[in-house]
Full PDB file with SEQRES, HELIX, SHEET, SSBOND, CRYST1, ORIGX, SCALE, CONECT and MASTER records, all heavy atoms in Angstrom:
SEQRES   1 A   33  ILE LEU GLU GLN HIS PRO ASP TRP ARG GLU GLY LEU ARG          
SEQRES   2 A   33  GLN LEU VAL LEU THR GLN ASP LEU LEU ALA LEU PRO GLN          
SEQRES   3 A   33  ILE VAL ARG ASP LEU ALA GLU                                  
HELIX    1 AA1 ASP A    7  VAL A   16  1                                  10    
HELIX    2 AA2 GLN A   19  ALA A   32  1                                  14    
CRYST1    1.000    1.000    1.000  90.00  90.00  90.00 P 1           1          
ORIGX1      1.000000  0.000000  0.000000        0.00000                         
ORIGX2      0.000000  1.000000  0.000000        0.00000                         
ORIGX3      0.000000  0.000000  1.000000        0.00000                         
SCALE1      1.000000  0.000000  0.000000        0.00000                         
SCALE2      0.000000  1.000000  0.000000        0.00000                         
SCALE3      0.000000  0.000000  1.000000        0.00000                         
ATOM      1  N   ILE A   1       0.252 -18.083   0.426  1.00  0.00           N  
ATOM      2  CA  ILE A   1      -0.833 -17.714   1.348  1.00  0.00           C  
ATOM      3  C   ILE A   1      -1.423 -16.358   0.938  1.00  0.00           C  
ATOM      4  O   ILE A   1      -2.643 -16.180   0.906  1.00  0.00           O  
ATOM      5  CB  ILE A   1      -0.319 -17.678   2.803  1.00  0.00           C  
ATOM      6  CG1 ILE A   1      -0.010 -19.093   3.276  1.00  0.00           C  
ATOM      7  CG2 ILE A   1      -1.330 -16.998   3.723  1.00  0.00           C  
ATOM      8  CD1 ILE A   1       0.742 -19.152   4.600  1.00  0.00           C  
ATOM      9  N   LEU A   2      -0.552 -15.397   0.605  1.00  0.00           N  
ATOM     10  CA  LEU A   2      -1.036 -14.065   0.197  1.00  0.00           C  
ATOM     11  C   LEU A   2      -1.792 -14.121  -1.122  1.00  0.00           C  
ATOM     12  O   LEU A   2      -2.724 -13.350  -1.345  1.00  0.00           O  
ATOM     13  CB  LEU A   2       0.134 -13.084   0.115  1.00  0.00           C  
ATOM     14  CG  LEU A   2       0.761 -12.719   1.460  1.00  0.00           C  
ATOM     15  CD1 LEU A   2       2.006 -11.869   1.257  1.00  0.00           C  
ATOM     16  CD2 LEU A   2      -0.237 -12.019   2.359  1.00  0.00           C  
ATOM     17  N   GLU A   3      -1.384 -15.019  -2.007  1.00  0.00           N  
ATOM     18  CA  GLU A   3      -2.119 -15.192  -3.257  1.00  0.00           C  
ATOM     19  C   GLU A   3      -3.500 -15.776  -2.986  1.00  0.00           C  
ATOM     20  O   GLU A   3      -4.473 -15.447  -3.656  1.00  0.00           O  
ATOM     21  CB  GLU A   3      -1.326 -16.087  -4.220  1.00  0.00           C  
ATOM     22  CG  GLU A   3      -0.127 -15.379  -4.831  1.00  0.00           C  
ATOM     23  CD  GLU A   3       0.753 -16.306  -5.646  1.00  0.00           C  
ATOM     24  OE1 GLU A   3       0.588 -17.548  -5.584  1.00  0.00           O  
ATOM     25  OE2 GLU A   3       1.645 -15.786  -6.351  1.00  0.00           O  
ATOM     26  N   GLN A   4      -3.596 -16.643  -1.997  1.00  0.00           N  
ATOM     27  CA  GLN A   4      -4.888 -17.246  -1.641  1.00  0.00           C  
ATOM     28  C   GLN A   4      -5.766 -16.276  -0.850  1.00  0.00           C  
ATOM     29  O   GLN A   4      -6.985 -16.384  -0.875  1.00  0.00           O  
ATOM     30  CB  GLN A   4      -4.659 -18.534  -0.824  1.00  0.00           C  
ATOM     31  CG  GLN A   4      -3.998 -19.644  -1.603  1.00  0.00           C  
ATOM     32  CD  GLN A   4      -3.568 -20.810  -0.712  1.00  0.00           C  
ATOM     33  OE1 GLN A   4      -3.778 -20.799   0.497  1.00  0.00           O  
ATOM     34  NE2 GLN A   4      -2.942 -21.815  -1.325  1.00  0.00           N  
ATOM     35  N   HIS A   5      -5.139 -15.352  -0.148  1.00  0.00           N  
ATOM     36  CA  HIS A   5      -5.869 -14.390   0.686  1.00  0.00           C  
ATOM     37  C   HIS A   5      -5.420 -12.962   0.341  1.00  0.00           C  
ATOM     38  O   HIS A   5      -4.677 -12.337   1.087  1.00  0.00           O  
ATOM     39  CB  HIS A   5      -5.611 -14.665   2.181  1.00  0.00           C  
ATOM     40  CG  HIS A   5      -6.028 -16.023   2.617  1.00  0.00           C  
ATOM     41  ND1 HIS A   5      -7.323 -16.325   2.921  1.00  0.00           N  
ATOM     42  CD2 HIS A   5      -5.308 -17.175   2.783  1.00  0.00           C  
ATOM     43  CE1 HIS A   5      -7.393 -17.608   3.281  1.00  0.00           C  
ATOM     44  NE2 HIS A   5      -6.187 -18.140   3.191  1.00  0.00           N  
ATOM     45  N   PRO A   6      -5.876 -12.428  -0.793  1.00  0.00           N  
ATOM     46  CA  PRO A   6      -5.424 -11.098  -1.216  1.00  0.00           C  
ATOM     47  C   PRO A   6      -5.746 -10.012  -0.187  1.00  0.00           C  
ATOM     48  O   PRO A   6      -5.033  -9.017  -0.099  1.00  0.00           O  
ATOM     49  CB  PRO A   6      -6.175 -10.845  -2.523  1.00  0.00           C  
ATOM     50  CG  PRO A   6      -6.858 -12.100  -2.876  1.00  0.00           C  
ATOM     51  CD  PRO A   6      -6.786 -13.030  -1.725  1.00  0.00           C  
ATOM     52  N   ASP A   7      -6.792 -10.218   0.608  1.00  0.00           N  
ATOM     53  CA  ASP A   7      -7.152  -9.218   1.607  1.00  0.00           C  
ATOM     54  C   ASP A   7      -6.096  -9.100   2.711  1.00  0.00           C  
ATOM     55  O   ASP A   7      -6.024  -8.098   3.413  1.00  0.00           O  
ATOM     56  CB  ASP A   7      -8.530  -9.534   2.200  1.00  0.00           C  
ATOM     57  CG  ASP A   7      -8.625 -10.964   2.708  1.00  0.00           C  
ATOM     58  OD1 ASP A   7      -8.191 -11.877   1.984  1.00  0.00           O  
ATOM     59  OD2 ASP A   7      -9.129 -11.150   3.834  1.00  0.00           O  
ATOM     60  N   TRP A   8      -5.248 -10.088   2.874  1.00  0.00           N  
ATOM     61  CA  TRP A   8      -4.195 -10.049   3.885  1.00  0.00           C  
ATOM     62  C   TRP A   8      -3.003  -9.198   3.426  1.00  0.00           C  
ATOM     63  O   TRP A   8      -2.181  -8.777   4.234  1.00  0.00           O  
ATOM     64  CB  TRP A   8      -3.707 -11.455   4.206  1.00  0.00           C  
ATOM     65  CG  TRP A   8      -4.718 -12.326   4.905  1.00  0.00           C  
ATOM     66  CD1 TRP A   8      -5.998 -12.006   5.240  1.00  0.00           C  
ATOM     67  CD2 TRP A   8      -4.516 -13.659   5.340  1.00  0.00           C  
ATOM     68  NE1 TRP A   8      -6.624 -13.062   5.857  1.00  0.00           N  
ATOM     69  CE2 TRP A   8      -5.723 -14.113   5.934  1.00  0.00           C  
ATOM     70  CE3 TRP A   8      -3.447 -14.548   5.286  1.00  0.00           C  
ATOM     71  CZ2 TRP A   8      -5.881 -15.382   6.463  1.00  0.00           C  
ATOM     72  CZ3 TRP A   8      -3.604 -15.811   5.819  1.00  0.00           C  
ATOM     73  CH2 TRP A   8      -4.819 -16.225   6.409  1.00  0.00           C  
ATOM     74  N   ARG A   9      -2.912  -8.952   2.130  1.00  0.00           N  
ATOM     75  CA  ARG A   9      -1.780  -8.193   1.586  1.00  0.00           C  
ATOM     76  C   ARG A   9      -1.702  -6.793   2.195  1.00  0.00           C  
ATOM     77  O   ARG A   9      -0.622  -6.310   2.505  1.00  0.00           O  
ATOM     78  CB  ARG A   9      -1.890  -8.074   0.070  1.00  0.00           C  
ATOM     79  CG  ARG A   9      -1.663  -9.364  -0.643  1.00  0.00           C  
ATOM     80  CD  ARG A   9      -1.789  -9.165  -2.134  1.00  0.00           C  
ATOM     81  NE  ARG A   9      -1.926 -10.464  -2.777  1.00  0.00           N  
ATOM     82  CZ  ARG A   9      -2.245 -10.637  -4.037  1.00  0.00           C  
ATOM     83  NH1 ARG A   9      -2.468  -9.580  -4.799  1.00  0.00           N  
ATOM     84  NH2 ARG A   9      -2.347 -11.841  -4.549  1.00  0.00           N  
ATOM     85  N   GLU A  10      -2.853  -6.161   2.352  1.00  0.00           N  
ATOM     86  CA  GLU A  10      -2.862  -4.810   2.907  1.00  0.00           C  
ATOM     87  C   GLU A  10      -2.304  -4.802   4.325  1.00  0.00           C  
ATOM     88  O   GLU A  10      -1.545  -3.903   4.699  1.00  0.00           O  
ATOM     89  CB  GLU A  10      -4.276  -4.216   2.881  1.00  0.00           C  
ATOM     90  CG  GLU A  10      -4.334  -2.764   3.326  1.00  0.00           C  
ATOM     91  CD  GLU A  10      -3.472  -1.836   2.481  1.00  0.00           C  
ATOM     92  OE1 GLU A  10      -3.293  -2.077   1.268  1.00  0.00           O  
ATOM     93  OE2 GLU A  10      -2.961  -0.857   3.060  1.00  0.00           O  
ATOM     94  N   GLY A  11      -2.654  -5.793   5.109  1.00  0.00           N  
ATOM     95  CA  GLY A  11      -2.106  -5.892   6.462  1.00  0.00           C  
ATOM     96  C   GLY A  11      -0.596  -6.037   6.447  1.00  0.00           C  
ATOM     97  O   GLY A  11       0.114  -5.423   7.261  1.00  0.00           O  
ATOM     98  N   LEU A  12      -0.095  -6.848   5.526  1.00  0.00           N  
ATOM     99  CA  LEU A  12       1.352  -7.030   5.413  1.00  0.00           C  
ATOM    100  C   LEU A  12       2.020  -5.733   4.963  1.00  0.00           C  
ATOM    101  O   LEU A  12       3.067  -5.351   5.482  1.00  0.00           O  
ATOM    102  CB  LEU A  12       1.671  -8.165   4.442  1.00  0.00           C  
ATOM    103  CG  LEU A  12       3.152  -8.495   4.269  1.00  0.00           C  
ATOM    104  CD1 LEU A  12       3.759  -8.939   5.598  1.00  0.00           C  
ATOM    105  CD2 LEU A  12       3.332  -9.574   3.215  1.00  0.00           C  
ATOM    106  N   ARG A  13       1.392  -5.042   4.014  1.00  0.00           N  
ATOM    107  CA  ARG A  13       1.929  -3.755   3.566  1.00  0.00           C  
ATOM    108  C   ARG A  13       2.061  -2.785   4.740  1.00  0.00           C  
ATOM    109  O   ARG A  13       3.058  -2.083   4.866  1.00  0.00           O  
ATOM    110  CB  ARG A  13       1.005  -3.128   2.513  1.00  0.00           C  
ATOM    111  CG  ARG A  13       1.252  -3.579   1.129  1.00  0.00           C  
ATOM    112  CD  ARG A  13       0.446  -2.734   0.132  1.00  0.00           C  
ATOM    113  NE  ARG A  13       0.271  -3.491  -1.072  1.00  0.00           N  
ATOM    114  CZ  ARG A  13      -0.851  -4.075  -1.449  1.00  0.00           C  
ATOM    115  NH1 ARG A  13      -1.946  -3.960  -0.740  1.00  0.00           N  
ATOM    116  NH2 ARG A  13      -0.899  -4.778  -2.564  1.00  0.00           N  
ATOM    117  N   GLN A  14       1.022  -2.712   5.562  1.00  0.00           N  
ATOM    118  CA  GLN A  14       1.028  -1.807   6.714  1.00  0.00           C  
ATOM    119  C   GLN A  14       2.194  -2.113   7.653  1.00  0.00           C  
ATOM    120  O   GLN A  14       2.754  -1.210   8.265  1.00  0.00           O  
ATOM    121  CB  GLN A  14      -0.294  -1.897   7.484  1.00  0.00           C  
ATOM    122  CG  GLN A  14      -1.516  -1.460   6.696  1.00  0.00           C  
ATOM    123  CD  GLN A  14      -1.521   0.029   6.403  1.00  0.00           C  
ATOM    124  OE1 GLN A  14      -1.069   0.825   7.195  1.00  0.00           O  
ATOM    125  NE2 GLN A  14      -2.044   0.386   5.234  1.00  0.00           N  
ATOM    126  N   LEU A  15       2.540  -3.401   7.780  1.00  0.00           N  
ATOM    127  CA  LEU A  15       3.632  -3.799   8.670  1.00  0.00           C  
ATOM    128  C   LEU A  15       5.006  -3.558   8.052  1.00  0.00           C  
ATOM    129  O   LEU A  15       5.959  -3.217   8.754  1.00  0.00           O  
ATOM    130  CB  LEU A  15       3.505  -5.281   9.045  1.00  0.00           C  
ATOM    131  CG  LEU A  15       2.313  -5.655   9.919  1.00  0.00           C  
ATOM    132  CD1 LEU A  15       2.206  -7.168  10.039  1.00  0.00           C  
ATOM    133  CD2 LEU A  15       2.452  -5.011  11.290  1.00  0.00           C  
ATOM    134  N   VAL A  16       5.119  -3.731   6.743  1.00  0.00           N  
ATOM    135  CA  VAL A  16       6.422  -3.704   6.085  1.00  0.00           C  
ATOM    136  C   VAL A  16       6.797  -2.297   5.599  1.00  0.00           C  
ATOM    137  O   VAL A  16       7.949  -1.885   5.734  1.00  0.00           O  
ATOM    138  CB  VAL A  16       6.440  -4.695   4.898  1.00  0.00           C  
ATOM    139  CG1 VAL A  16       7.720  -4.582   4.102  1.00  0.00           C  
ATOM    140  CG2 VAL A  16       6.252  -6.117   5.402  1.00  0.00           C  
ATOM    141  N   LEU A  17       5.841  -1.577   5.072  1.00  0.00           N  
ATOM    142  CA  LEU A  17       6.150  -0.278   4.459  1.00  0.00           C  
ATOM    143  C   LEU A  17       5.983   0.867   5.458  1.00  0.00           C  
ATOM    144  O   LEU A  17       5.156   0.809   6.361  1.00  0.00           O  
ATOM    145  CB  LEU A  17       5.246  -0.046   3.250  1.00  0.00           C  
ATOM    146  CG  LEU A  17       5.330  -1.094   2.147  1.00  0.00           C  
ATOM    147  CD1 LEU A  17       4.333  -0.793   1.052  1.00  0.00           C  
ATOM    148  CD2 LEU A  17       6.732  -1.187   1.579  1.00  0.00           C  
ATOM    149  N   THR A  18       6.738   1.942   5.223  1.00  0.00           N  
ATOM    150  CA  THR A  18       6.603   3.140   6.054  1.00  0.00           C  
ATOM    151  C   THR A  18       5.361   3.914   5.611  1.00  0.00           C  
ATOM    152  O   THR A  18       4.838   3.707   4.504  1.00  0.00           O  
ATOM    153  CB  THR A  18       7.838   4.047   5.902  1.00  0.00           C  
ATOM    154  OG1 THR A  18       7.876   4.535   4.548  1.00  0.00           O  
ATOM    155  CG2 THR A  18       9.120   3.304   6.234  1.00  0.00           C  
ATOM    156  N   GLN A  19       4.932   4.827   6.455  1.00  0.00           N  
ATOM    157  CA  GLN A  19       3.777   5.652   6.105  1.00  0.00           C  
ATOM    158  C   GLN A  19       4.050   6.494   4.858  1.00  0.00           C  
ATOM    159  O   GLN A  19       3.158   6.726   4.053  1.00  0.00           O  
ATOM    160  CB  GLN A  19       3.385   6.563   7.284  1.00  0.00           C  
ATOM    161  CG  GLN A  19       2.739   5.818   8.426  1.00  0.00           C  
ATOM    162  CD  GLN A  19       1.480   5.080   7.975  1.00  0.00           C  
ATOM    163  OE1 GLN A  19       0.637   5.614   7.270  1.00  0.00           O  
ATOM    164  NE2 GLN A  19       1.369   3.830   8.398  1.00  0.00           N  
ATOM    165  N   ASP A  20       5.281   6.946   4.696  1.00  0.00           N  
ATOM    166  CA  ASP A  20       5.639   7.718   3.501  1.00  0.00           C  
ATOM    167  C   ASP A  20       5.446   6.885   2.237  1.00  0.00           C  
ATOM    168  O   ASP A  20       4.925   7.370   1.236  1.00  0.00           O  
ATOM    169  CB  ASP A  20       7.092   8.193   3.578  1.00  0.00           C  
ATOM    170  CG  ASP A  20       7.288   9.295   4.603  1.00  0.00           C  
ATOM    171  OD1 ASP A  20       6.290   9.940   4.983  1.00  0.00           O  
ATOM    172  OD2 ASP A  20       8.440   9.509   5.025  1.00  0.00           O  
ATOM    173  N   LEU A  21       5.873   5.641   2.274  1.00  0.00           N  
ATOM    174  CA  LEU A  21       5.706   4.773   1.103  1.00  0.00           C  
ATOM    175  C   LEU A  21       4.234   4.433   0.874  1.00  0.00           C  
ATOM    176  O   LEU A  21       3.785   4.351  -0.274  1.00  0.00           O  
ATOM    177  CB  LEU A  21       6.523   3.490   1.255  1.00  0.00           C  
ATOM    178  CG  LEU A  21       8.035   3.664   1.131  1.00  0.00           C  
ATOM    179  CD1 LEU A  21       8.744   2.349   1.424  1.00  0.00           C  
ATOM    180  CD2 LEU A  21       8.413   4.180  -0.241  1.00  0.00           C  
ATOM    181  N   LEU A  22       3.490   4.253   1.946  1.00  0.00           N  
ATOM    182  CA  LEU A  22       2.071   3.955   1.802  1.00  0.00           C  
ATOM    183  C   LEU A  22       1.309   5.154   1.230  1.00  0.00           C  
ATOM    184  O   LEU A  22       0.326   4.985   0.511  1.00  0.00           O  
ATOM    185  CB  LEU A  22       1.472   3.544   3.153  1.00  0.00           C  
ATOM    186  CG  LEU A  22       1.953   2.200   3.697  1.00  0.00           C  
ATOM    187  CD1 LEU A  22       1.503   2.021   5.135  1.00  0.00           C  
ATOM    188  CD2 LEU A  22       1.467   1.057   2.825  1.00  0.00           C  
ATOM    189  N   ALA A  23       1.788   6.354   1.540  1.00  0.00           N  
ATOM    190  CA  ALA A  23       1.127   7.571   1.057  1.00  0.00           C  
ATOM    191  C   ALA A  23       1.501   7.896  -0.387  1.00  0.00           C  
ATOM    192  O   ALA A  23       0.817   8.688  -1.042  1.00  0.00           O  
ATOM    193  CB  ALA A  23       1.483   8.746   1.956  1.00  0.00           C  
ATOM    194  N   LEU A  24       2.540   7.292  -0.887  1.00  0.00           N  
ATOM    195  CA  LEU A  24       3.057   7.622  -2.215  1.00  0.00           C  
ATOM    196  C   LEU A  24       2.026   7.487  -3.347  1.00  0.00           C  
ATOM    197  O   LEU A  24       1.942   8.389  -4.190  1.00  0.00           O  
ATOM    198  CB  LEU A  24       4.295   6.782  -2.502  1.00  0.00           C  
ATOM    199  CG  LEU A  24       5.131   7.186  -3.695  1.00  0.00           C  
ATOM    200  CD1 LEU A  24       5.559   8.637  -3.605  1.00  0.00           C  
ATOM    201  CD2 LEU A  24       6.344   6.277  -3.816  1.00  0.00           C  
ATOM    202  N   PRO A  25       1.222   6.431  -3.424  1.00  0.00           N  
ATOM    203  CA  PRO A  25       0.248   6.352  -4.520  1.00  0.00           C  
ATOM    204  C   PRO A  25      -0.719   7.541  -4.547  1.00  0.00           C  
ATOM    205  O   PRO A  25      -1.004   8.090  -5.614  1.00  0.00           O  
ATOM    206  CB  PRO A  25      -0.495   5.037  -4.259  1.00  0.00           C  
ATOM    207  CG  PRO A  25       0.488   4.210  -3.494  1.00  0.00           C  
ATOM    208  CD  PRO A  25       1.240   5.188  -2.641  1.00  0.00           C  
ATOM    209  N   GLN A  26      -1.188   7.981  -3.386  1.00  0.00           N  
ATOM    210  CA  GLN A  26      -2.099   9.129  -3.347  1.00  0.00           C  
ATOM    211  C   GLN A  26      -1.366  10.406  -3.739  1.00  0.00           C  
ATOM    212  O   GLN A  26      -1.925  11.262  -4.442  1.00  0.00           O  
ATOM    213  CB  GLN A  26      -2.735   9.293  -1.960  1.00  0.00           C  
ATOM    214  CG  GLN A  26      -3.774  10.392  -1.904  1.00  0.00           C  
ATOM    215  CD  GLN A  26      -4.921  10.150  -2.869  1.00  0.00           C  
ATOM    216  OE1 GLN A  26      -5.465   9.064  -2.946  1.00  0.00           O  
ATOM    217  NE2 GLN A  26      -5.307  11.176  -3.605  1.00  0.00           N  
ATOM    218  N   ILE A  27      -0.127  10.519  -3.319  1.00  0.00           N  
ATOM    219  CA  ILE A  27       0.663  11.688  -3.688  1.00  0.00           C  
ATOM    220  C   ILE A  27       0.827  11.753  -5.199  1.00  0.00           C  
ATOM    221  O   ILE A  27       0.685  12.818  -5.808  1.00  0.00           O  
ATOM    222  CB  ILE A  27       2.036  11.653  -2.979  1.00  0.00           C  
ATOM    223  CG1 ILE A  27       1.851  11.870  -1.475  1.00  0.00           C  
ATOM    224  CG2 ILE A  27       2.995  12.682  -3.563  1.00  0.00           C  
ATOM    225  CD1 ILE A  27       3.097  11.597  -0.647  1.00  0.00           C  
ATOM    226  N   VAL A  28       1.099  10.629  -5.823  1.00  0.00           N  
ATOM    227  CA  VAL A  28       1.255  10.586  -7.286  1.00  0.00           C  
ATOM    228  C   VAL A  28      -0.063  10.929  -7.977  1.00  0.00           C  
ATOM    229  O   VAL A  28      -0.088  11.684  -8.955  1.00  0.00           O  
ATOM    230  CB  VAL A  28       1.793   9.204  -7.738  1.00  0.00           C  
ATOM    231  CG1 VAL A  28       1.742   9.062  -9.245  1.00  0.00           C  
ATOM    232  CG2 VAL A  28       3.202   9.000  -7.219  1.00  0.00           C  
ATOM    233  N   ARG A  29      -1.185  10.408  -7.459  1.00  0.00           N  
ATOM    234  CA  ARG A  29      -2.490  10.750  -8.042  1.00  0.00           C  
ATOM    235  C   ARG A  29      -2.762  12.247  -7.923  1.00  0.00           C  
ATOM    236  O   ARG A  29      -3.224  12.877  -8.880  1.00  0.00           O  
ATOM    237  CB  ARG A  29      -3.603   9.943  -7.364  1.00  0.00           C  
ATOM    238  CG  ARG A  29      -3.673   8.488  -7.813  1.00  0.00           C  
ATOM    239  CD  ARG A  29      -4.942   7.799  -7.307  1.00  0.00           C  
ATOM    240  NE  ARG A  29      -4.931   7.602  -5.863  1.00  0.00           N  
ATOM    241  CZ  ARG A  29      -4.391   6.563  -5.234  1.00  0.00           C  
ATOM    242  NH1 ARG A  29      -3.805   5.601  -5.935  1.00  0.00           N  
ATOM    243  NH2 ARG A  29      -4.445   6.459  -3.922  1.00  0.00           N  
ATOM    244  N   ASP A  30      -2.465  12.802  -6.755  1.00  0.00           N  
ATOM    245  CA  ASP A  30      -2.671  14.246  -6.555  1.00  0.00           C  
ATOM    246  C   ASP A  30      -1.788  15.057  -7.495  1.00  0.00           C  
ATOM    247  O   ASP A  30      -2.236  16.051  -8.076  1.00  0.00           O  
ATOM    248  CB  ASP A  30      -2.375  14.638  -5.103  1.00  0.00           C  
ATOM    249  CG  ASP A  30      -3.373  14.060  -4.119  1.00  0.00           C  
ATOM    250  OD1 ASP A  30      -4.444  13.572  -4.546  1.00  0.00           O  
ATOM    251  OD2 ASP A  30      -3.067  14.082  -2.895  1.00  0.00           O  
ATOM    252  N   LEU A  31      -0.556  14.623  -7.648  1.00  0.00           N  
ATOM    253  CA  LEU A  31       0.364  15.307  -8.549  1.00  0.00           C  
ATOM    254  C   LEU A  31      -0.125  15.251  -9.993  1.00  0.00           C  
ATOM    255  O   LEU A  31      -0.088  16.255 -10.718  1.00  0.00           O  
ATOM    256  CB  LEU A  31       1.757  14.691  -8.434  1.00  0.00           C  
ATOM    257  CG  LEU A  31       2.851  15.304  -9.294  1.00  0.00           C  
ATOM    258  CD1 LEU A  31       3.040  16.769  -8.962  1.00  0.00           C  
ATOM    259  CD2 LEU A  31       4.151  14.537  -9.098  1.00  0.00           C  
ATOM    260  N   ALA A  32      -0.600  14.093 -10.413  1.00  0.00           N  
ATOM    261  CA  ALA A  32      -1.120  13.942 -11.778  1.00  0.00           C  
ATOM    262  C   ALA A  32      -2.329  14.845 -11.995  1.00  0.00           C  
ATOM    263  O   ALA A  32      -2.460  15.475 -13.053  1.00  0.00           O  
ATOM    264  CB  ALA A  32      -1.484  12.483 -12.045  1.00  0.00           C  
ATOM    265  N   GLU A  33      -3.201  14.939 -11.002  1.00  0.00           N  
ATOM    266  CA  GLU A  33      -4.379  15.809 -11.114  1.00  0.00           C  
ATOM    267  C   GLU A  33      -3.958  17.276 -11.184  1.00  0.00           C  
ATOM    268  O   GLU A  33      -4.488  18.043 -11.983  1.00  0.00           O  
ATOM    269  CB  GLU A  33      -5.323  15.581  -9.926  1.00  0.00           C  
ATOM    270  CG  GLU A  33      -6.528  16.482  -9.908  1.00  0.00           C  
ATOM    271  CD  GLU A  33      -7.424  16.369 -11.137  1.00  0.00           C  
ATOM    272  OE1 GLU A  33      -7.383  15.340 -11.843  1.00  0.00           O  
ATOM    273  OE2 GLU A  33      -8.168  17.319 -11.414  1.00  0.00           O  
TER     274      GLU A  33                                                      
MASTER        0    0    0    2    0    0    0    6  273    1    0    3          
END                                                                             
């Protein structure tokens, strides 16, 4: 279902992952910059 509806993945991420984990990609980008 998620493969058929990629836009639903973000909703699932929001439910499953903590805010710290969700913030991690931006933190890594900021660190790289």
